[in-house]
Protein backbone atom coordinates (compact mmCIF):
# COMPACT_ATOMS: atom_id res chain seq x y z
CA MET A 1 -8.66 -9.00 29.38
CA PRO A 2 -9.57 -9.37 25.48
CA ARG A 3 -10.80 -6.47 23.76
CA SER A 4 -11.07 -7.86 20.18
CA VAL A 5 -10.76 -11.25 18.70
CA ASP A 6 -11.24 -12.46 15.21
CA TYR A 7 -11.25 -15.83 13.79
CA SER A 8 -10.04 -17.74 10.50
CA LYS A 9 -7.41 -19.79 10.11
CA PHE A 10 -5.87 -18.39 13.35
CA LEU A 11 -7.54 -16.92 16.90
CA LEU A 12 -6.32 -13.25 16.89
CA VAL A 13 -7.03 -11.33 20.14
CA GLY A 14 -6.38 -7.85 21.04
CA LEU A 15 -5.42 -7.40 24.89
CA ARG A 16 -6.15 -3.86 26.94
CA ASN A 17 -2.52 -3.89 27.23
CA GLY A 18 -1.76 -3.09 22.91
CA GLN A 19 -0.98 -6.89 22.66
CA ILE A 20 -2.14 -9.00 19.59
CA LEU A 21 -1.84 -13.01 20.18
CA GLU A 22 -2.32 -15.44 17.60
CA PHE A 23 -3.51 -18.69 18.50
CA ASP A 24 -3.25 -21.73 16.26
CA ILE A 25 -5.65 -23.87 17.69
CA THR A 26 -5.15 -26.91 15.66
CA ASN A 27 -1.00 -27.24 17.64
CA ASN A 28 -2.38 -25.19 20.66
CA ALA A 29 0.44 -22.63 19.80
CA LYS A 30 0.42 -19.03 20.74
CA GLU A 31 2.52 -16.06 19.36
CA CYS A 32 2.95 -12.23 20.63
CA ILE A 33 3.16 -10.77 17.26
CA MET A 34 2.77 -7.06 18.71
CA HIS A 35 3.57 -5.70 21.80
CA SER A 36 1.92 -2.61 21.35
CA HIS A 37 0.65 0.13 19.63
CA HIS A 38 3.40 2.19 20.31
CA ASP A 39 1.49 5.21 22.86
CA GLY A 40 -1.37 3.68 24.72
CA GLU A 41 -4.09 0.82 23.35
CA SER A 42 -4.43 -0.90 20.47
CA TRP A 43 -8.21 -1.02 20.10
CA GLY A 44 -9.49 -2.03 16.47
CA LEU A 45 -8.19 -4.89 14.71
CA VAL A 46 -9.37 -5.84 10.68
CA VAL A 47 -8.26 -9.11 9.48
CA ILE A 48 -8.07 -8.78 5.09
CA GLU A 49 -9.03 -12.17 4.49
CA GLY A 50 -7.22 -13.86 1.61
CA ASP A 51 -4.58 -11.16 1.58
CA ASN A 52 -2.41 -12.19 4.70
CA LYS A 53 -2.58 -9.18 5.80
CA TYR A 54 -4.17 -6.83 8.83
CA ILE A 55 -4.77 -3.49 10.07
CA THR A 56 -4.70 -2.04 13.89
CA SER A 57 -5.49 0.89 15.38
CA GLY A 58 -5.06 2.50 18.63
CA ASP A 59 -5.13 5.50 20.90
CA ASP A 60 -2.04 6.80 19.12
CA ASN A 61 -4.04 8.10 16.34
CA LYS A 62 -2.62 5.48 13.96
CA LEU A 63 -3.29 3.04 11.52
CA LEU A 64 -0.75 0.07 11.18
CA MET A 65 -1.23 -2.47 7.92
CA TYR A 66 0.87 -5.84 8.50
CA ASP A 67 2.06 -8.40 6.27
CA ALA A 68 0.25 -11.41 8.92
CA LEU A 69 3.35 -13.92 7.54
CA THR A 70 6.44 -11.59 7.97
CA HIS A 71 4.63 -9.85 11.11
CA LYS A 72 6.10 -6.76 9.52
CA VAL A 73 4.15 -3.58 9.25
CA ILE A 74 4.02 -2.64 5.34
CA GLN A 75 1.47 0.53 5.60
CA ARG A 76 0.80 2.78 8.16
CA GLY A 77 -1.66 5.96 8.21
CA GLU A 78 -2.66 8.41 10.82
CA VAL A 79 -6.43 9.59 11.66
CA VAL A 80 -7.07 13.46 12.08
CA PRO A 81 -10.12 15.07 12.72
CA GLU A 82 -11.84 16.56 9.67
CA GLU A 83 -11.38 20.35 10.16
CA ASP A 84 -7.63 19.57 10.57
CA LEU A 85 -7.85 18.29 6.63
CA ASP A 86 -10.10 21.94 5.85
CA GLU A 87 -6.98 23.56 6.82
CA GLU A 88 -4.47 21.79 3.77
């Protein structure tokens, strides 16, 4: 069951099980480009058009930036509550 969808050159679909599928509608091809967001569901996806990058977020409180051409993580971050930032 899709949780999020984005379309530019390819159709990207984020599923409830954490997978992200990339569809090339010109030749009817499908590829799984992410199998899960480590622990739990992937629920956020943003495509950075023109930079060949996309960012995902999920139940593990992580933000992962991927290179869309290589499908590799190029940057990582973690979401922390604002009160935890005050303690630093």
